[in-house]
Amino acid sequence: MSGSALNIGLTSLRAYQRALDSSSHNIANANSSGFQVEQAQFQEAPAGGVVVNISQNGSAASNSASGSITPATLPPQASGTDLSTELVNSIQYKTGFEFSVQIVKAADEVLGTLIDINA
């Protein structure tokens, strides 16, 4: 069990790091004309754990909410990056990363206890 918990923790650490990198990239390029906003979508990994798919706005992933700003409604020079959304995403990804660290720590403690019991 602790091995699977460790796998879940490690894969979610990687996924949240990639999502946080993507959000940072969006914020850094908020004023770049023609910039395509990246979106992160989390999915369950086939072998357990979690993976994130990063796609550019308008390609594989669509994050359309009612009333949201789309590149078609923006002037050509705007990037389409919504800074308030990116701020919220960054906070969520950071919190998810911190929770994943706690999962890895707990799995490490369980494995350590199991090793001590068997020794």
PDB file of N, CA and C in Angstrom:
ATOM      1  N   MET A   1       0.805  -1.195   0.000  1.00  0.00           N
ATOM      2  CA  MET A   1       0.000   0.000   0.000  1.00  0.00           C
ATOM      3  C   MET A   1       0.851   1.263   0.000  1.00  0.00           C
ATOM      4  N   SER A   2       1.913   1.264   0.828  1.00  0.00           N
ATOM      5  CA  SER A   2       2.733   2.468   0.900  1.00  0.00           C
ATOM      6  C   SER A   2       3.486   2.713  -0.397  1.00  0.00           C
ATOM      7  N   GLY A   3       3.773   1.630  -1.134  1.00  0.00           N
ATOM      8  CA  GLY A   3       4.413   1.797  -2.440  1.00  0.00           C
ATOM      9  C   GLY A   3       3.508   2.528  -3.406  1.00  0.00           C
ATOM     10  N   SER A   4       2.216   2.201  -3.396  1.00  0.00           N
ATOM     11  CA  SER A   4       1.285   2.896  -4.283  1.00  0.00           C
ATOM     12  C   SER A   4       1.063   4.325  -3.812  1.00  0.00           C
ATOM     13  N   ALA A   5       1.054   4.543  -2.506  1.00  0.00           N
ATOM     14  CA  ALA A   5       0.921   5.907  -1.989  1.00  0.00           C
ATOM     15  C   ALA A   5       2.135   6.744  -2.389  1.00  0.00           C
ATOM     16  N   LEU A   6       3.298   6.143  -2.354  1.00  0.00           N
ATOM     17  CA  LEU A   6       4.508   6.840  -2.778  1.00  0.00           C
ATOM     18  C   LEU A   6       4.440   7.183  -4.259  1.00  0.00           C
ATOM     19  N   ASN A   7       3.947   6.244  -5.082  1.00  0.00           N
ATOM     20  CA  ASN A   7       3.791   6.492  -6.514  1.00  0.00           C
ATOM     21  C   ASN A   7       2.788   7.623  -6.763  1.00  0.00           C
ATOM     22  N   ILE A   8       1.686   7.601  -6.053  1.00  0.00           N
ATOM     23  CA  ILE A   8       0.688   8.655  -6.204  1.00  0.00           C
ATOM     24  C   ILE A   8       1.281  10.005  -5.831  1.00  0.00           C
ATOM     25  N   GLY A   9       1.998  10.044  -4.726  1.00  0.00           N
ATOM     26  CA  GLY A   9       2.621  11.293  -4.291  1.00  0.00           C
ATOM     27  C   GLY A   9       3.644  11.817  -5.287  1.00  0.00           C
ATOM     28  N   LEU A  10       4.481  10.930  -5.800  1.00  0.00           N
ATOM     29  CA  LEU A  10       5.520  11.354  -6.741  1.00  0.00           C
ATOM     30  C   LEU A  10       4.943  11.814  -8.078  1.00  0.00           C
ATOM     31  N   THR A  11       3.961  11.069  -8.594  1.00  0.00           N
ATOM     32  CA  THR A  11       3.374  11.488  -9.870  1.00  0.00           C
ATOM     33  C   THR A  11       2.608  12.799  -9.722  1.00  0.00           C
ATOM     34  N   SER A  12       1.950  12.990  -8.577  1.00  0.00           N
ATOM     35  CA  SER A  12       1.237  14.253  -8.393  1.00  0.00           C
ATOM     36  C   SER A  12       2.208  15.412  -8.179  1.00  0.00           C
ATOM     37  N   LEU A  13       3.362  15.158  -7.560  1.00  0.00           N
ATOM     38  CA  LEU A  13       4.386  16.205  -7.451  1.00  0.00           C
ATOM     39  C   LEU A  13       4.816  16.676  -8.835  1.00  0.00           C
ATOM     40  N   ARG A  14       5.089  15.707  -9.719  1.00  0.00           N
ATOM     41  CA  ARG A  14       5.492  16.059 -11.082  1.00  0.00           C
ATOM     42  C   ARG A  14       4.385  16.803 -11.813  1.00  0.00           C
ATOM     43  N   ALA A  15       3.148  16.344 -11.655  1.00  0.00           N
ATOM     44  CA  ALA A  15       2.027  16.959 -12.357  1.00  0.00           C
ATOM     45  C   ALA A  15       1.800  18.393 -11.880  1.00  0.00           C
ATOM     46  N   TYR A  16       1.805  18.599 -10.579  1.00  0.00           N
ATOM     47  CA  TYR A  16       1.595  19.957 -10.069  1.00  0.00           C
ATOM     48  C   TYR A  16       2.755  20.878 -10.432  1.00  0.00           C
ATOM     49  N   GLN A  17       3.969  20.349 -10.481  1.00  0.00           N
ATOM     50  CA  GLN A  17       5.113  21.174 -10.891  1.00  0.00           C
ATOM     51  C   GLN A  17       4.960  21.615 -12.341  1.00  0.00           C
ATOM     52  N   ARG A  18       4.562  20.684 -13.225  1.00  0.00           N
ATOM     53  CA  ARG A  18       4.354  21.040 -14.631  1.00  0.00           C
ATOM     54  C   ARG A  18       3.237  22.066 -14.778  1.00  0.00           C
ATOM     55  N   ALA A  19       2.160  21.896 -14.021  1.00  0.00           N
ATOM     56  CA  ALA A  19       1.045  22.839 -14.094  1.00  0.00           C
ATOM     57  C   ALA A  19       1.466  24.210 -13.580  1.00  0.00           C
ATOM     58  N   LEU A  20       2.247  24.245 -12.518  1.00  0.00           N
ATOM     59  CA  LEU A  20       2.741  25.515 -11.984  1.00  0.00           C
ATOM     60  C   LEU A  20       3.696  26.181 -12.968  1.00  0.00           C
ATOM     61  N   ASP A  21       4.529  25.393 -13.628  1.00  0.00           N
ATOM     62  CA  ASP A  21       5.413  25.930 -14.672  1.00  0.00           C
ATOM     63  C   ASP A  21       4.604  26.547 -15.810  1.00  0.00           C
ATOM     64  N   SER A  22       3.535  25.871 -16.198  1.00  0.00           N
ATOM     65  CA  SER A  22       2.680  26.368 -17.277  1.00  0.00           C
ATOM     66  C   SER A  22       2.002  27.674 -16.887  1.00  0.00           C
ATOM     67  N   SER A  23       1.506  27.747 -15.659  1.00  0.00           N
ATOM     68  CA  SER A  23       0.862  28.973 -15.185  1.00  0.00           C
ATOM     69  C   SER A  23       1.864  30.121 -15.119  1.00  0.00           C
ATOM     70  N   SER A  24       3.069  29.831 -14.664  1.00  0.00           N
ATOM     71  CA  SER A  24       4.123  30.854 -14.618  1.00  0.00           C
ATOM     72  C   SER A  24       4.459  31.343 -16.018  1.00  0.00           C
ATOM     73  N   HIS A  25       4.497  30.411 -16.963  1.00  0.00           N
ATOM     74  CA  HIS A  25       4.759  30.755 -18.356  1.00  0.00           C
ATOM     75  C   HIS A  25       3.671  31.683 -18.900  1.00  0.00           C
ATOM     76  N   ASN A  26       2.427  31.394 -18.563  1.00  0.00           N
ATOM     77  CA  ASN A  26       1.317  32.248 -18.999  1.00  0.00           C
ATOM     78  C   ASN A  26       1.430  33.656 -18.421  1.00  0.00           C
ATOM     79  N   ILE A  27       1.773  33.740 -17.147  1.00  0.00           N
ATOM     80  CA  ILE A  27       1.898  35.052 -16.496  1.00  0.00           C
ATOM     81  C   ILE A  27       3.059  35.835 -17.098  1.00  0.00           C
ATOM     82  N   ALA A  28       4.178  35.166 -17.328  1.00  0.00           N
ATOM     83  CA  ALA A  28       5.354  35.836 -17.876  1.00  0.00           C
ATOM     84  C   ALA A  28       5.101  36.379 -19.276  1.00  0.00           C
ATOM     85  N   ASN A  29       4.208  35.757 -20.016  1.00  0.00           N
ATOM     86  CA  ASN A  29       3.936  36.174 -21.389  1.00  0.00           C
ATOM     87  C   ASN A  29       2.599  36.883 -21.543  1.00  0.00           C
ATOM     88  N   ALA A  30       2.069  37.414 -20.453  1.00  0.00           N
ATOM     89  CA  ALA A  30       0.746  38.051 -20.491  1.00  0.00           C
ATOM     90  C   ALA A  30       0.698  39.230 -21.455  1.00  0.00           C
ATOM     91  N   ASN A  31       1.795  39.916 -21.637  1.00  0.00           N
ATOM     92  CA  ASN A  31       1.819  41.080 -22.524  1.00  0.00           C
ATOM     93  C   ASN A  31       2.429  40.780 -23.894  1.00  0.00           C
ATOM     94  N   SER A  32       2.687  39.533 -24.173  1.00  0.00           N
ATOM     95  CA  SER A  32       3.257  39.156 -25.473  1.00  0.00           C
ATOM     96  C   SER A  32       2.136  39.033 -26.499  1.00  0.00           C
ATOM     97  N   SER A  33       2.301  39.733 -27.596  1.00  0.00           N
ATOM     98  CA  SER A  33       1.258  39.653 -28.626  1.00  0.00           C
ATOM     99  C   SER A  33       1.313  38.303 -29.318  1.00  0.00           C
ATOM    100  N   GLY A  34       0.158  37.746 -29.571  1.00  0.00           N
ATOM    101  CA  GLY A  34       0.062  36.473 -30.254  1.00  0.00           C
ATOM    102  C   GLY A  34       0.361  35.262 -29.386  1.00  0.00           C
ATOM    103  N   PHE A  35       0.565  35.461 -28.096  1.00  0.00           N
ATOM    104  CA  PHE A  35       0.877  34.341 -27.196  1.00  0.00           C
ATOM    105  C   PHE A  35      -0.338  33.438 -27.034  1.00  0.00           C
ATOM    106  N   GLN A  36      -0.118  32.133 -27.113  1.00  0.00           N
ATOM    107  CA  GLN A  36      -1.176  31.151 -26.910  1.00  0.00           C
ATOM    108  C   GLN A  36      -1.142  30.685 -25.461  1.00  0.00           C
ATOM    109  N   VAL A  37      -2.216  30.916 -24.738  1.00  0.00           N
ATOM    110  CA  VAL A  37      -2.302  30.553 -23.332  1.00  0.00           C
ATOM    111  C   VAL A  37      -2.297  29.031 -23.189  1.00  0.00           C
ATOM    112  N   GLU A  38      -1.525  28.531 -22.212  1.00  0.00           N
ATOM    113  CA  GLU A  38      -1.486  27.101 -21.929  1.00  0.00           C
ATOM    114  C   GLU A  38      -2.495  26.774 -20.834  1.00  0.00           C
ATOM    115  N   GLN A  39      -3.093  25.596 -20.944  1.00  0.00           N
ATOM    116  CA  GLN A  39      -4.056  25.139 -19.951  1.00  0.00           C
ATOM    117  C   GLN A  39      -3.647  23.761 -19.461  1.00  0.00           C
ATOM    118  N   ALA A  40      -3.825  23.540 -18.159  1.00  0.00           N
ATOM    119  CA  ALA A  40      -3.479  22.253 -17.563  1.00  0.00           C
ATOM    120  C   ALA A  40      -4.752  21.468 -17.257  1.00  0.00           C
ATOM    121  N   GLN A  41      -4.729  20.195 -17.630  1.00  0.00           N
ATOM    122  CA  GLN A  41      -5.831  19.289 -17.304  1.00  0.00           C
ATOM    123  C   GLN A  41      -5.253  18.059 -16.623  1.00  0.00           C
ATOM    124  N   PHE A  42      -5.747  17.788 -15.419  1.00  0.00           N
ATOM    125  CA  PHE A  42      -5.266  16.646 -14.647  1.00  0.00           C
ATOM    126  C   PHE A  42      -6.113  15.417 -14.969  1.00  0.00           C
ATOM    127  N   GLN A  43      -5.426  14.261 -15.038  1.00  0.00           N
ATOM    128  CA  GLN A  43      -6.098  12.994 -15.296  1.00  0.00           C
ATOM    129  C   GLN A  43      -5.461  11.902 -14.444  1.00  0.00           C
ATOM    130  N   GLU A  44      -6.238  10.881 -14.182  1.00  0.00           N
ATOM    131  CA  GLU A  44      -5.721   9.727 -13.474  1.00  0.00           C
ATOM    132  C   GLU A  44      -4.779   8.960 -14.409  1.00  0.00           C
ATOM    133  N   ALA A  45      -3.631   8.575 -13.893  1.00  0.00           N
ATOM    134  CA  ALA A  45      -2.683   7.785 -14.682  1.00  0.00           C
ATOM    135  C   ALA A  45      -3.155   6.338 -14.739  1.00  0.00           C
ATOM    136  N   PRO A  46      -2.905   5.647 -15.849  1.00  0.00           N
ATOM    137  CA  PRO A  46      -3.357   4.250 -15.972  1.00  0.00           C
ATOM    138  C   PRO A  46      -2.790   3.332 -14.879  1.00  0.00           C
ATOM    139  N   ALA A  47      -1.559   3.559 -14.467  1.00  0.00           N
ATOM    140  CA  ALA A  47      -0.928   2.710 -13.455  1.00  0.00           C
ATOM    141  C   ALA A  47      -1.106   3.261 -12.043  1.00  0.00           C
ATOM    142  N   GLY A  48      -1.949   4.254 -11.875  1.00  0.00           N
ATOM    143  CA  GLY A  48      -2.147   4.894 -10.584  1.00  0.00           C
ATOM    144  C   GLY A  48      -1.415   6.217 -10.539  1.00  0.00           C
ATOM    145  N   GLY A  49      -1.886   7.091  -9.727  1.00  0.00           N
ATOM    146  CA  GLY A  49      -1.287   8.413  -9.644  1.00  0.00           C
ATOM    147  C   GLY A  49      -2.015   9.388 -10.548  1.00  0.00           C
ATOM    148  N   VAL A  50      -1.333  10.448 -10.906  1.00  0.00           N
ATOM    149  CA  VAL A  50      -1.961  11.506 -11.690  1.00  0.00           C
ATOM    150  C   VAL A  50      -0.977  12.038 -12.714  1.00  0.00           C
ATOM    151  N   VAL A  51      -1.499  12.470 -13.848  1.00  0.00           N
ATOM    152  CA  VAL A  51      -0.699  13.121 -14.879  1.00  0.00           C
ATOM    153  C   VAL A  51      -1.406  14.408 -15.269  1.00  0.00           C
ATOM    154  N   VAL A  52      -0.651  15.320 -15.858  1.00  0.00           N
ATOM    155  CA  VAL A  52      -1.241  16.569 -16.325  1.00  0.00           C
ATOM    156  C   VAL A  52      -0.945  16.694 -17.813  1.00  0.00           C
ATOM    157  N   ASN A  53      -1.945  17.127 -18.544  1.00  0.00           N
ATOM    158  CA  ASN A  53      -1.782  17.413 -19.962  1.00  0.00           C
ATOM    159  C   ASN A  53      -1.816  18.921 -20.140  1.00  0.00           C
ATOM    160  N   ILE A  54      -0.774  19.455 -20.752  1.00  0.00           N
ATOM    161  CA  ILE A  54      -0.688  20.886 -21.008  1.00  0.00           C
ATOM    162  C   ILE A  54      -1.019  21.106 -22.477  1.00  0.00           C
ATOM    163  N   SER A  55      -1.999  21.951 -22.733  1.00  0.00           N
ATOM    164  CA  SER A  55      -2.358  22.254 -24.115  1.00  0.00           C
ATOM    165  C   SER A  55      -2.497  23.757 -24.273  1.00  0.00           C
ATOM    166  N   GLN A  56      -2.337  24.204 -25.493  1.00  0.00           N
ATOM    167  CA  GLN A  56      -2.490  25.624 -25.770  1.00  0.00           C
ATOM    168  C   GLN A  56      -3.948  25.941 -26.009  1.00  0.00           C
ATOM    169  N   ASN A  57      -4.316  27.153 -25.695  1.00  0.00           N
ATOM    170  CA  ASN A  57      -5.692  27.614 -25.850  1.00  0.00           C
ATOM    171  C   ASN A  57      -6.156  27.372 -27.278  1.00  0.00           C
ATOM    172  N   GLY A  58      -7.271  26.669 -27.405  1.00  0.00           N
ATOM    173  CA  GLY A  58      -7.818  26.421 -28.721  1.00  0.00           C
ATOM    174  C   GLY A  58      -7.393  25.113 -29.329  1.00  0.00           C
ATOM    175  N   SER A  59      -6.446  24.386 -28.688  1.00  0.00           N
ATOM    176  CA  SER A  59      -6.067  23.092 -29.249  1.00  0.00           C
ATOM    177  C   SER A  59      -6.795  21.990 -28.493  1.00  0.00           C
ATOM    178  N   ALA A  60      -6.111  20.958 -28.068  1.00  0.00           N
ATOM    179  CA  ALA A  60      -6.741  19.758 -27.521  1.00  0.00           C
ATOM    180  C   ALA A  60      -7.675  20.041 -26.349  1.00  0.00           C
ATOM    181  N   ALA A  61      -7.262  20.883 -25.414  1.00  0.00           N
ATOM    182  CA  ALA A  61      -8.097  21.137 -24.246  1.00  0.00           C
ATOM    183  C   ALA A  61      -8.868  22.429 -24.435  1.00  0.00           C
ATOM    184  N   SER A  62     -10.102  22.413 -23.990  1.00  0.00           N
ATOM    185  CA  SER A  62     -10.877  23.644 -24.030  1.00  0.00           C
ATOM    186  C   SER A  62     -11.328  23.962 -22.620  1.00  0.00           C
ATOM    187  N   ASN A  63     -11.133  25.171 -22.198  1.00  0.00           N
ATOM    188  CA  ASN A  63     -11.488  25.598 -20.859  1.00  0.00           C
ATOM    189  C   ASN A  63     -12.503  26.717 -20.978  1.00  0.00           C
ATOM    190  N   SER A  64     -13.597  26.458 -21.679  1.00  0.00           N
ATOM    191  CA  SER A  64     -14.558  27.510 -21.935  1.00  0.00           C
ATOM    192  C   SER A  64     -15.611  27.531 -20.852  1.00  0.00           C
ATOM    193  N   ALA A  65     -15.689  28.624 -20.154  1.00  0.00           N
ATOM    194  CA  ALA A  65     -16.742  28.853 -19.177  1.00  0.00           C
ATOM    195  C   ALA A  65     -17.628  29.957 -19.731  1.00  0.00           C
ATOM    196  N   SER A  66     -18.846  29.979 -19.307  1.00  0.00           N
ATOM    197  CA  SER A  66     -19.742  31.006 -19.841  1.00  0.00           C
ATOM    198  C   SER A  66     -19.236  32.377 -19.441  1.00  0.00           C
ATOM    199  N   GLY A  67     -19.185  33.271 -20.397  1.00  0.00           N
ATOM    200  CA  GLY A  67     -18.719  34.627 -20.143  1.00  0.00           C
ATOM    201  C   GLY A  67     -17.215  34.768 -20.122  1.00  0.00           C
ATOM    202  N   SER A  68     -16.478  33.725 -20.453  1.00  0.00           N
ATOM    203  CA  SER A  68     -15.026  33.831 -20.409  1.00  0.00           C
ATOM    204  C   SER A  68     -14.507  34.549 -21.647  1.00  0.00           C
ATOM    205  N   ILE A  69     -13.311  35.081 -21.516  1.00  0.00           N
ATOM    206  CA  ILE A  69     -12.672  35.796 -22.616  1.00  0.00           C
ATOM    207  C   ILE A  69     -12.014  34.769 -23.522  1.00  0.00           C
ATOM    208  N   THR A  70     -12.272  34.846 -24.775  1.00  0.00           N
ATOM    209  CA  THR A  70     -11.644  33.939 -25.726  1.00  0.00           C
ATOM    210  C   THR A  70     -10.759  34.756 -26.659  1.00  0.00           C
ATOM    211  N   PRO A  71      -9.758  34.142 -27.272  1.00  0.00           N
ATOM    212  CA  PRO A  71      -8.882  34.886 -28.169  1.00  0.00           C
ATOM    213  C   PRO A  71      -9.641  35.576 -29.301  1.00  0.00           C
ATOM    214  N   ALA A  72     -10.769  35.041 -29.728  1.00  0.00           N
ATOM    215  CA  ALA A  72     -11.519  35.650 -30.827  1.00  0.00           C
ATOM    216  C   ALA A  72     -12.126  36.994 -30.434  1.00  0.00           C
ATOM    217  N   THR A  73     -12.380  37.195 -29.130  1.00  0.00           N
ATOM    218  CA  THR A  73     -12.999  38.443 -28.680  1.00  0.00           C
ATOM    219  C   THR A  73     -11.973  39.484 -28.265  1.00  0.00           C
ATOM    220  N   LEU A  74     -10.693  39.126 -28.255  1.00  0.00           N
ATOM    221  CA  LEU A  74      -9.648  40.051 -27.833  1.00  0.00           C
ATOM    222  C   LEU A  74      -9.052  40.761 -29.037  1.00  0.00           C
ATOM    223  N   PRO A  75      -8.510  41.956 -28.810  1.00  0.00           N
ATOM    224  CA  PRO A  75      -7.788  42.612 -29.896  1.00  0.00           C
ATOM    225  C   PRO A  75      -6.573  41.771 -30.296  1.00  0.00           C
ATOM    226  N   PRO A  76      -6.076  41.889 -31.527  1.00  0.00           N
ATOM    227  CA  PRO A  76      -4.976  41.045 -31.998  1.00  0.00           C
ATOM    228  C   PRO A  76      -3.702  41.156 -31.168  1.00  0.00           C
ATOM    229  N   GLN A  77      -3.465  42.296 -30.504  1.00  0.00           N
ATOM    230  CA  GLN A  77      -2.221  42.451 -29.764  1.00  0.00           C
ATOM    231  C   GLN A  77      -2.265  41.802 -28.381  1.00  0.00           C
ATOM    232  N   ALA A  78      -3.459  41.456 -27.864  1.00  0.00           N
ATOM    233  CA  ALA A  78      -3.565  40.887 -26.524  1.00  0.00           C
ATOM    234  C   ALA A  78      -3.263  39.392 -26.548  1.00  0.00           C
ATOM    235  N   SER A  79      -2.747  38.882 -25.433  1.00  0.00           N
ATOM    236  CA  SER A  79      -2.380  37.467 -25.383  1.00  0.00           C
ATOM    237  C   SER A  79      -3.542  36.584 -24.961  1.00  0.00           C
ATOM    238  N   GLY A  80      -4.517  37.111 -24.281  1.00  0.00           N
ATOM    239  CA  GLY A  80      -5.631  36.308 -23.795  1.00  0.00           C
ATOM    240  C   GLY A  80      -5.392  35.735 -22.420  1.00  0.00           C
ATOM    241  N   THR A  81      -4.286  36.091 -21.772  1.00  0.00           N
ATOM    242  CA  THR A  81      -3.986  35.606 -20.435  1.00  0.00           C
ATOM    243  C   THR A  81      -4.820  36.372 -19.423  1.00  0.00           C
ATOM    244  N   ASP A  82      -5.616  35.653 -18.668  1.00  0.00           N
ATOM    245  CA  ASP A  82      -6.401  36.253 -17.593  1.00  0.00           C
ATOM    246  C   ASP A  82      -5.580  36.128 -16.310  1.00  0.00           C
ATOM    247  N   LEU A  83      -5.015  37.232 -15.850  1.00  0.00           N
ATOM    248  CA  LEU A  83      -4.105  37.182 -14.712  1.00  0.00           C
ATOM    249  C   LEU A  83      -4.785  36.732 -13.424  1.00  0.00           C
ATOM    250  N   SER A  84      -6.052  37.069 -13.242  1.00  0.00           N
ATOM    251  CA  SER A  84      -6.739  36.630 -12.027  1.00  0.00           C
ATOM    252  C   SER A  84      -6.913  35.107 -12.036  1.00  0.00           C
ATOM    253  N   THR A  85      -7.228  34.541 -13.183  1.00  0.00           N
ATOM    254  CA  THR A  85      -7.343  33.080 -13.295  1.00  0.00           C
ATOM    255  C   THR A  85      -5.991  32.425 -13.061  1.00  0.00           C
ATOM    256  N   GLU A  86      -4.952  32.996 -13.625  1.00  0.00           N
ATOM    257  CA  GLU A  86      -3.616  32.421 -13.440  1.00  0.00           C
ATOM    258  C   GLU A  86      -3.163  32.504 -11.979  1.00  0.00           C
ATOM    259  N   LEU A  87      -3.544  33.567 -11.281  1.00  0.00           N
ATOM    260  CA  LEU A  87      -3.205  33.679  -9.862  1.00  0.00           C
ATOM    261  C   LEU A  87      -3.897  32.580  -9.057  1.00  0.00           C
ATOM    262  N   VAL A  88      -5.176  32.389  -9.316  1.00  0.00           N
ATOM    263  CA  VAL A  88      -5.917  31.333  -8.620  1.00  0.00           C
ATOM    264  C   VAL A  88      -5.331  29.963  -8.961  1.00  0.00           C
ATOM    265  N   ASN A  89      -5.036  29.725 -10.238  1.00  0.00           N
ATOM    266  CA  ASN A  89      -4.424  28.453 -10.638  1.00  0.00           C
ATOM    267  C   ASN A  89      -3.097  28.227  -9.927  1.00  0.00           C
ATOM    268  N   SER A  90      -2.277  29.267  -9.832  1.00  0.00           N
ATOM    269  CA  SER A  90      -0.978  29.137  -9.173  1.00  0.00           C
ATOM    270  C   SER A  90      -1.139  28.748  -7.705  1.00  0.00           C
ATOM    271  N   ILE A  91      -2.107  29.350  -7.041  1.00  0.00           N
ATOM    272  CA  ILE A  91      -2.356  29.021  -5.632  1.00  0.00           C
ATOM    273  C   ILE A  91      -2.836  27.576  -5.509  1.00  0.00           C
ATOM    274  N   GLN A  92      -3.729  27.154  -6.404  1.00  0.00           N
ATOM    275  CA  GLN A  92      -4.221  25.771  -6.371  1.00  0.00           C
ATOM    276  C   GLN A  92      -3.089  24.778  -6.638  1.00  0.00           C
ATOM    277  N   TYR A  93      -2.264  25.059  -7.619  1.00  0.00           N
ATOM    278  CA  TYR A  93      -1.163  24.151  -7.950  1.00  0.00           C
ATOM    279  C   TYR A  93      -0.141  24.089  -6.820  1.00  0.00           C
ATOM    280  N   LYS A  94       0.138  25.212  -6.207  1.00  0.00           N
ATOM    281  CA  LYS A  94       1.082  25.250  -5.077  1.00  0.00           C
ATOM    282  C   LYS A  94       0.538  24.428  -3.915  1.00  0.00           C
ATOM    283  N   THR A  95      -0.751  24.589  -3.614  1.00  0.00           N
ATOM    284  CA  THR A  95      -1.371  23.829  -2.532  1.00  0.00           C
ATOM    285  C   THR A  95      -1.385  22.339  -2.853  1.00  0.00           C
ATOM    286  N   GLY A  96      -1.693  21.983  -4.084  1.00  0.00           N
ATOM    287  CA  GLY A  96      -1.650  20.583  -4.494  1.00  0.00           C
ATOM    288  C   GLY A  96      -0.263  19.997  -4.368  1.00  0.00           C
ATOM    289  N   PHE A  97       0.746  20.794  -4.715  1.00  0.00           N
ATOM    290  CA  PHE A  97       2.134  20.356  -4.584  1.00  0.00           C
ATOM    291  C   PHE A  97       2.459  20.090  -3.116  1.00  0.00           C
ATOM    292  N   GLU A  98       2.038  21.003  -2.233  1.00  0.00           N
ATOM    293  CA  GLU A  98       2.304  20.828  -0.804  1.00  0.00           C
ATOM    294  C   GLU A  98       1.603  19.592  -0.242  1.00  0.00           C
ATOM    295  N   PHE A  99       0.370  19.330  -0.681  1.00  0.00           N
ATOM    296  CA  PHE A  99      -0.335  18.120  -0.252  1.00  0.00           C
ATOM    297  C   PHE A  99       0.391  16.874  -0.748  1.00  0.00           C
ATOM    298  N   SER A 100       0.909  16.929  -1.952  1.00  0.00           N
ATOM    299  CA  SER A 100       1.642  15.798  -2.510  1.00  0.00           C
ATOM    300  C   SER A 100       2.905  15.515  -1.706  1.00  0.00           C
ATOM    301  N   VAL A 101       3.556  16.568  -1.243  1.00  0.00           N
ATOM    302  CA  VAL A 101       4.742  16.394  -0.391  1.00  0.00           C
ATOM    303  C   VAL A 101       4.349  15.657   0.885  1.00  0.00           C
ATOM    304  N   GLN A 102       3.204  15.998   1.449  1.00  0.00           N
ATOM    305  CA  GLN A 102       2.746  15.323   2.663  1.00  0.00           C
ATOM    306  C   GLN A 102       2.454  13.848   2.407  1.00  0.00           C
ATOM    307  N   ILE A 103       1.931  13.528   1.228  1.00  0.00           N
ATOM    308  CA  ILE A 103       1.672  12.132   0.875  1.00  0.00           C
ATOM    309  C   ILE A 103       2.992  11.368   0.786  1.00  0.00           C
ATOM    310  N   VAL A 104       3.995  11.973   0.154  1.00  0.00           N
ATOM    311  CA  VAL A 104       5.308  11.320   0.034  1.00  0.00           C
ATOM    312  C   VAL A 104       5.924  11.122   1.419  1.00  0.00           C
ATOM    313  N   LYS A 105       5.823  12.117   2.285  1.00  0.00           N
ATOM    314  CA  LYS A 105       6.363  11.981   3.646  1.00  0.00           C
ATOM    315  C   LYS A 105       5.673  10.865   4.409  1.00  0.00           C
ATOM    316  N   ALA A 106       4.349  10.799   4.314  1.00  0.00           N
ATOM    317  CA  ALA A 106       3.605   9.752   5.016  1.00  0.00           C
ATOM    318  C   ALA A 106       3.976   8.375   4.488  1.00  0.00           C
ATOM    319  N   ALA A 107       4.092   8.230   3.173  1.00  0.00           N
ATOM    320  CA  ALA A 107       4.474   6.944   2.584  1.00  0.00           C
ATOM    321  C   ALA A 107       5.887   6.553   3.019  1.00  0.00           C
ATOM    322  N   ASP A 108       6.776   7.531   3.111  1.00  0.00           N
ATOM    323  CA  ASP A 108       8.147   7.268   3.564  1.00  0.00           C
ATOM    324  C   ASP A 108       8.154   6.773   5.006  1.00  0.00           C
ATOM    325  N   GLU A 109       7.343   7.394   5.840  1.00  0.00           N
ATOM    326  CA  GLU A 109       7.275   6.961   7.239  1.00  0.00           C
ATOM    327  C   GLU A 109       6.731   5.543   7.355  1.00  0.00           C
ATOM    328  N   VAL A 110       5.706   5.223   6.567  1.00  0.00           N
ATOM    329  CA  VAL A 110       5.132   3.877   6.596  1.00  0.00           C
ATOM    330  C   VAL A 110       6.167   2.860   6.130  1.00  0.00           C
ATOM    331  N   LEU A 111       6.866   3.157   5.038  1.00  0.00           N
ATOM    332  CA  LEU A 111       7.906   2.240   4.565  1.00  0.00           C
ATOM    333  C   LEU A 111       9.009   2.065   5.600  1.00  0.00           C
ATOM    334  N   GLY A 112       9.398   3.154   6.246  1.00  0.00           N
ATOM    335  CA  GLY A 112      10.416   3.072   7.289  1.00  0.00           C
ATOM    336  C   GLY A 112       9.971   2.210   8.450  1.00  0.00           C
ATOM    337  N   THR A 113       8.728   2.342   8.844  1.00  0.00           N
ATOM    338  CA  THR A 113       8.188   1.522   9.919  1.00  0.00           C
ATOM    339  C   THR A 113       8.147   0.052   9.522  1.00  0.00           C
ATOM    340  N   LEU A 114       7.740  -0.235   8.300  1.00  0.00           N
ATOM    341  CA  LEU A 114       7.699  -1.617   7.823  1.00  0.00           C
ATOM    342  C   LEU A 114       9.087  -2.230   7.798  1.00  0.00           C
ATOM    343  N   ILE A 115      10.062  -1.461   7.375  1.00  0.00           N
ATOM    344  CA  ILE A 115      11.442  -1.964   7.344  1.00  0.00           C
ATOM    345  C   ILE A 115      11.935  -2.227   8.769  1.00  0.00           C
ATOM    346  N   ASP A 116      11.617  -1.326   9.701  1.00  0.00           N
ATOM    347  CA  ASP A 116      12.036  -1.521  11.099  1.00  0.00           C
ATOM    348  C   ASP A 116      11.377  -2.757  11.719  1.00  0.00           C
ATOM    349  N   ILE A 117      10.122  -3.008  11.372  1.00  0.00           N
ATOM    350  CA  ILE A 117       9.418  -4.170  11.905  1.00  0.00           C
ATOM    351  C   ILE A 117      10.039  -5.466  11.388  1.00  0.00           C
ATOM    352  N   ASN A 118      10.405  -5.473  10.101  1.00  0.00           N
ATOM    353  CA  ASN A 118      10.979  -6.677   9.490  1.00  0.00           C
ATOM    354  C   ASN A 118      12.437  -6.895   9.838  1.00  0.00           C
ATOM    355  N   ALA A 119      13.109  -5.890  10.349  1.00  0.00           N
ATOM    356  CA  ALA A 119      14.546  -6.002  10.646  1.00  0.00           C
ATOM    357  C   ALA A 119      14.823  -6.705  11.931  1.00  0.00           C
TER     358      ALA A 119
END
